[in-house]
């Protein structure tokens, strides 16, 4: 039986080792660097980098070849969390069971730490392409994929839609469109980059896109459910905040039980997309199931 927990632990060890190398030339006593590392190394699922490495593995590649892309994706995700937690955004005081960056340091430092992580992500990605030739072209494509997913055509647009939608009653279709940008875009980019690094074929990449879109939406549906009935001590952050901010969520539109059934349907769709893959895709299958069964 596949041991997902062990797999995630091993991948996180590799990712953390790569982060240590990235930061080894920085002065550790600088406030900015401490704030960056405080949020980056605070734990969490590291879902996006693990998906990136898992995709490379699923198509027969070496996951280690994708480690810099995985690190960049986690830095971008972490920057987005730092900024999401700010008083001008979600105004959250806890993240992963610890005071959020602007609480642990201050608001200005948190803003700059997020900015620095975003910039460092692209420094790391561009450094991976310095060998030239076909490899440089591949990494340039990866930079484009991640920039598009993280920017005003992806995650940032989704976040803006989330803000302007507070107090509005969205349809299920509108909610899905918003979350496909806010959450799904970077998840899809994670899988696509891992597949691209491992020289996946066009059909494999299309199947992984289908998998990504379904787990990305299932992740958000599950987040909405946990915000209603999750345990704050287990989650490491407050619950009930969606209702406080008058946000449209799957439970508020569909109801709690229907939302759970919808999440399960999405995971079935994701697993169906992986049917043509062999045992090397077992981590991706297990991650899909984990997304709807998690408690945090």
Protein backbone atom coordinates (compact mmCIF):
# COMPACT_ATOMS: atom_id res chain seq x y z
CA UNK A 1 0.00 0.00 0.00
CA UNK A 2 1.34 3.42 -0.96
CA UNK A 3 2.45 5.51 2.04
CA UNK A 4 1.56 9.10 1.15
CA UNK A 5 2.75 10.54 4.46
CA UNK A 6 6.22 9.05 3.97
CA UNK A 7 6.28 10.28 0.36
CA UNK A 8 5.39 13.85 1.40
CA UNK A 9 7.98 13.78 4.18
CA UNK A 10 10.70 12.67 1.76
CA UNK A 11 9.79 15.29 -0.81
CA UNK A 12 9.66 17.98 1.86
CA UNK A 13 13.14 17.01 3.01
CA UNK A 14 14.40 17.47 -0.56
CA UNK A 15 12.58 20.79 -0.91
CA UNK A 16 13.87 22.07 2.44
CA UNK A 17 17.44 21.08 1.55
CA UNK A 18 17.09 23.03 -1.70
CA UNK A 19 15.79 26.05 0.23
CA UNK A 20 18.78 25.90 2.57
CA UNK A 21 21.11 26.05 -0.44
CA UNK A 22 19.14 28.96 -1.93
CA UNK A 23 19.40 30.95 1.31
CA UNK A 24 22.93 29.95 2.33
CA UNK A 25 24.48 33.13 0.94
CA UNK A 26 22.02 35.45 2.68
CA UNK A 27 22.73 37.11 6.03
CA UNK A 28 20.48 35.20 8.43
CA UNK A 29 20.30 38.07 10.94
CA UNK A 30 18.65 40.44 8.46
CA UNK A 31 15.04 41.12 9.36
CA UNK A 32 13.81 40.77 5.80
CA UNK A 33 15.46 37.37 5.30
CA UNK A 34 14.18 36.18 8.66
CA UNK A 35 10.64 37.20 7.71
CA UNK A 36 10.92 35.39 4.37
CA UNK A 37 12.19 32.20 6.00
CA UNK A 38 9.70 32.50 8.86
CA UNK A 39 6.78 32.08 6.46
CA UNK A 40 8.50 29.82 3.95
CA UNK A 41 9.69 27.29 6.52
CA UNK A 42 6.57 27.38 8.71
CA UNK A 43 5.45 23.94 7.56
CA UNK A 44 2.25 23.45 5.65
CA UNK A 45 1.31 20.90 3.02
CA UNK A 46 3.77 22.03 0.32
CA UNK A 47 1.12 20.70 -2.06
CA UNK A 48 2.24 22.61 -5.16
CA UNK A 49 5.93 21.59 -5.09
CA UNK A 50 5.00 17.99 -4.24
CA UNK A 51 2.58 17.95 -7.19
CA UNK A 52 5.33 19.32 -9.44
CA UNK A 53 7.74 16.58 -8.39
CA UNK A 54 4.98 13.96 -8.58
CA UNK A 55 4.09 14.97 -12.13
CA UNK A 56 7.71 14.62 -13.24
CA UNK A 57 7.79 11.18 -11.66
CA UNK A 58 4.42 10.14 -13.15
CA UNK A 59 5.64 10.64 -16.72
CA UNK A 60 8.88 8.75 -16.13
CA UNK A 61 11.23 11.62 -15.33
CA UNK A 62 13.61 12.32 -12.47
CA UNK A 63 11.80 14.45 -9.85
CA UNK A 64 15.09 15.99 -8.75
CA UNK A 65 15.32 17.73 -12.13
CA UNK A 66 12.22 19.71 -11.16
CA UNK A 67 13.36 20.73 -7.67
CA UNK A 68 14.05 24.38 -8.54
CA UNK A 69 10.65 24.75 -10.16
CA UNK A 70 9.11 23.18 -7.06
CA UNK A 71 10.91 25.65 -4.80
CA UNK A 72 9.86 28.60 -6.94
CA UNK A 73 6.23 27.50 -6.82
CA UNK A 74 6.32 27.26 -3.02
CA UNK A 75 7.91 30.70 -2.73
CA UNK A 76 5.17 32.19 -4.90
CA UNK A 77 2.48 30.41 -2.91
CA UNK A 78 4.01 31.60 0.37
CA UNK A 79 4.21 35.20 -0.82
CA UNK A 80 0.52 35.04 -1.72
CA UNK A 81 -0.33 33.79 1.79
CA UNK A 82 1.70 36.56 3.44
CA UNK A 83 -0.17 39.17 1.43
CA UNK A 84 -3.56 37.46 1.85
CA UNK A 85 -3.15 37.63 5.64
CA UNK A 86 -2.51 41.39 5.69
CA UNK A 87 -5.05 43.74 7.34
CA UNK A 88 -5.97 45.17 3.92
CA UNK A 89 -6.85 41.69 2.66
CA UNK A 90 -8.14 38.89 4.94
CA UNK A 91 -6.68 40.34 8.17
CA UNK A 92 -5.73 36.97 9.63
CA UNK A 93 -3.63 36.59 12.76
CA UNK A 94 -2.76 32.89 12.44
CA UNK A 95 -1.27 30.83 9.64
CA UNK A 96 -0.15 27.21 10.02
CA UNK A 97 -0.61 27.54 13.78
CA UNK A 98 1.80 30.49 14.07
CA UNK A 99 1.31 34.26 14.11
CA UNK A 100 1.08 35.54 10.55
CA UNK A 101 4.09 37.35 9.12
CA UNK A 102 2.75 40.86 9.75
CA UNK A 103 2.00 39.93 13.37
CA UNK A 104 5.37 38.24 13.99
CA UNK A 105 7.23 41.16 12.40
CA UNK A 106 5.25 44.17 11.16
CA UNK A 107 3.06 45.06 8.22
CA UNK A 108 5.75 46.75 6.13
CA UNK A 109 8.18 43.86 6.63
CA UNK A 110 5.48 41.37 5.66
CA UNK A 111 4.75 43.24 2.43
CA UNK A 112 8.44 43.34 1.55
CA UNK A 113 8.97 39.68 2.53
CA UNK A 114 6.18 38.68 0.14
CA UNK A 115 7.61 40.86 -2.61
CA UNK A 116 11.08 39.41 -2.04
CA UNK A 117 9.84 35.80 -2.19
CA UNK A 118 8.04 36.46 -5.47
CA UNK A 119 11.14 38.05 -6.98
CA UNK A 120 13.45 35.34 -5.63
CA UNK A 121 11.24 32.67 -7.22
CA UNK A 122 11.94 34.06 -10.67
CA UNK A 123 15.63 34.53 -9.87
CA UNK A 124 15.79 30.81 -9.05
CA UNK A 125 13.88 29.86 -12.20
CA UNK A 126 16.01 32.01 -14.48
CA UNK A 127 19.23 30.65 -12.93
CA UNK A 128 18.15 27.14 -13.90
CA UNK A 129 18.21 28.11 -17.58
CA UNK A 130 21.81 29.32 -17.78
CA UNK A 131 23.18 26.20 -19.51
CA UNK A 132 21.73 27.37 -22.83
CA UNK A 133 20.36 25.38 -25.75
CA UNK A 134 17.17 23.34 -25.52
CA UNK A 135 17.32 23.37 -21.72
CA UNK A 136 17.20 27.16 -21.65
CA UNK A 137 14.19 27.15 -23.97
CA UNK A 138 12.43 24.67 -21.68
CA UNK A 139 13.04 26.80 -18.58
CA UNK A 140 11.91 29.93 -20.40
CA UNK A 141 8.61 28.15 -21.09
CA UNK A 142 8.38 27.18 -17.42
CA UNK A 143 8.92 30.81 -16.40
CA UNK A 144 6.12 31.84 -18.75
CA UNK A 145 3.73 29.18 -17.39
CA UNK A 146 4.36 30.14 -13.77
CA UNK A 147 4.25 33.90 -14.40
CA UNK A 148 0.92 33.57 -16.20
CA UNK A 149 -0.54 31.37 -13.46
CA UNK A 150 0.63 33.68 -10.67
CA UNK A 151 -0.21 37.01 -12.30
CA UNK A 152 -3.13 39.08 -13.50
CA UNK A 153 -4.35 36.24 -15.75
CA UNK A 154 -4.33 33.75 -12.89
CA UNK A 155 -3.94 33.87 -9.12
CA UNK A 156 -3.92 37.67 -8.74
CA UNK A 157 -7.02 38.04 -10.87
CA UNK A 158 -8.73 35.35 -8.80
CA UNK A 159 -7.78 37.14 -5.59
CA UNK A 160 -9.16 40.42 -6.94
CA UNK A 161 -12.41 38.73 -7.90
CA UNK A 162 -12.61 37.29 -4.40
CA UNK A 163 -12.27 40.76 -2.88
CA UNK A 164 -14.84 42.48 -5.09
CA UNK A 165 -17.25 39.58 -4.65
CA UNK A 166 -17.56 40.01 -0.89
CA UNK A 167 -21.17 40.69 -0.06
CA UNK A 168 -22.31 39.47 -3.49
CA UNK A 169 -24.23 36.28 -4.17
CA UNK A 170 -22.28 34.44 -6.85
CA UNK A 171 -23.58 31.59 -8.97
CA UNK A 172 -21.81 28.23 -8.87
CA UNK A 173 -20.34 29.00 -12.29
CA UNK A 174 -18.99 32.36 -11.15
CA UNK A 175 -17.54 30.80 -8.02
CA UNK A 176 -15.85 28.07 -10.07
CA UNK A 177 -14.36 30.64 -12.46
CA UNK A 178 -12.98 32.65 -9.55
CA UNK A 179 -11.38 29.66 -7.84
CA UNK A 180 -9.97 28.25 -11.07
CA UNK A 181 -7.89 31.43 -11.11
CA UNK A 182 -7.26 32.01 -7.41
CA UNK A 183 -6.32 28.43 -6.49
CA UNK A 184 -6.42 26.28 -9.60
CA UNK A 185 -4.06 28.20 -11.86
CA UNK A 186 -0.95 27.65 -9.74
CA UNK A 187 -1.86 24.02 -9.08
CA UNK A 188 -2.21 23.42 -12.83
CA UNK A 189 1.11 25.20 -13.43
CA UNK A 190 2.77 22.97 -10.82
CA UNK A 191 1.79 19.77 -12.63
CA UNK A 192 2.47 21.16 -16.08
CA UNK A 193 5.97 22.33 -15.14
CA UNK A 194 6.88 18.96 -13.64
CA UNK A 195 5.61 17.22 -16.76
CA UNK A 196 7.43 19.62 -19.06
CA UNK A 197 10.74 19.16 -17.27
CA UNK A 198 10.33 15.37 -17.60
CA UNK A 199 9.62 15.57 -21.36
CA UNK A 200 5.98 14.46 -21.13
CA UNK A 201 4.05 13.91 -24.34
CA UNK A 202 1.17 16.14 -25.41
CA UNK A 203 -1.48 13.59 -24.39
CA UNK A 204 0.09 13.10 -20.95
CA UNK A 205 0.16 16.85 -20.38
CA UNK A 206 -3.49 17.17 -21.35
CA UNK A 207 -4.49 14.43 -18.91
CA UNK A 208 -2.49 16.08 -16.16
CA UNK A 209 -4.25 19.37 -16.90
CA UNK A 210 -7.60 17.63 -16.46
CA UNK A 211 -6.36 16.10 -13.20
CA UNK A 212 -5.09 19.51 -12.04
CA UNK A 213 -8.32 21.37 -12.78
CA UNK A 214 -10.35 18.85 -10.82
CA UNK A 215 -8.08 18.65 -7.77
CA UNK A 216 -7.64 22.43 -7.79
CA UNK A 217 -11.37 22.97 -7.52
CA UNK A 218 -11.75 20.10 -5.04
CA UNK A 219 -9.08 21.74 -2.88
CA UNK A 220 -11.08 24.96 -2.72
CA UNK A 221 -14.39 23.19 -2.07
CA UNK A 222 -12.71 21.33 0.82
CA UNK A 223 -11.24 24.59 2.13
CA UNK A 224 -14.76 26.07 2.13
CA UNK A 225 -16.07 23.05 4.03
CA UNK A 226 -13.25 23.22 6.59
CA UNK A 227 -13.96 26.91 7.13
CA UNK A 228 -17.41 25.83 8.31
CA UNK A 229 -16.72 22.67 10.29
CA UNK A 230 -12.96 22.41 10.67
CA UNK A 231 -11.09 22.40 13.99
CA UNK A 232 -9.10 25.66 14.36
CA UNK A 233 -6.49 23.91 16.53
CA UNK A 234 -5.89 21.28 13.85
CA UNK A 235 -6.03 23.76 10.98
CA UNK A 236 -3.76 26.31 12.63
CA UNK A 237 -6.05 29.19 11.60
CA UNK A 238 -9.47 30.55 12.41
CA UNK A 239 -12.70 29.10 11.05
CA UNK A 240 -15.94 30.87 10.22
CA UNK A 241 -14.12 33.71 8.49
CA UNK A 242 -15.91 33.22 5.15
CA UNK A 243 -19.25 33.94 6.79
CA UNK A 244 -17.79 36.91 8.67
CA UNK A 245 -16.59 38.42 5.37
CA UNK A 246 -19.90 37.54 3.67
CA UNK A 247 -18.15 35.49 1.00
CA UNK A 248 -19.88 33.21 -1.46
CA UNK A 249 -18.67 29.66 -0.84
CA UNK A 250 -19.73 26.21 -1.95
CA UNK A 251 -21.44 25.43 1.39
CA UNK A 252 -23.30 28.76 1.31
CA UNK A 253 -24.57 28.09 -2.23
CA UNK A 254 -24.90 24.29 -2.40
CA UNK A 255 -25.14 23.39 1.27
CA UNK A 256 -22.61 21.41 3.28
CA UNK A 257 -23.55 17.87 2.24
CA UNK A 258 -23.92 18.74 -1.45
CA UNK A 259 -20.51 20.44 -1.31
CA UNK A 260 -18.95 17.25 0.07
CA UNK A 261 -20.52 15.20 -2.72
CA UNK A 262 -19.29 17.71 -5.30
CA UNK A 263 -15.72 17.47 -3.96
CA UNK A 264 -15.86 13.67 -4.18
CA UNK A 265 -17.10 13.89 -7.78
CA UNK A 266 -14.19 16.16 -8.69
CA UNK A 267 -11.72 13.68 -7.20
CA UNK A 268 -13.29 10.83 -9.18
CA UNK A 269 -12.81 12.92 -12.33
CA UNK A 270 -9.17 13.54 -11.38
CA UNK A 271 -8.49 9.85 -10.77
CA UNK A 272 -10.14 8.95 -14.07
CA UNK A 273 -7.69 11.27 -15.85
CA UNK A 274 -4.82 9.20 -14.41
CA UNK A 275 -6.15 5.82 -15.54
CA UNK A 276 -3.71 5.66 -18.45
CA UNK A 277 -0.70 6.18 -16.16
CA UNK A 278 1.18 3.36 -14.45
CA UNK A 279 2.25 2.94 -10.82
CA UNK A 280 4.60 5.92 -11.05
CA UNK A 281 1.46 8.10 -10.82
CA UNK A 282 0.46 6.54 -7.50
CA UNK A 283 1.59 9.64 -5.55
CA UNK A 284 -0.74 11.80 -7.63
CA UNK A 285 -3.63 9.41 -7.03
CA UNK A 286 -2.99 9.44 -3.29
CA UNK A 287 -2.68 13.24 -3.25
CA UNK A 288 -6.08 13.56 -4.95
CA UNK A 289 -7.72 11.50 -2.22
CA UNK A 290 -5.83 13.38 0.48
CA UNK A 291 -7.18 16.72 -0.77
CA UNK A 292 -10.76 15.86 0.22
CA UNK A 293 -9.90 13.85 3.33
CA UNK A 294 -7.55 16.37 4.95
CA UNK A 295 -8.45 18.15 8.18
CA UNK A 296 -6.31 21.23 7.61
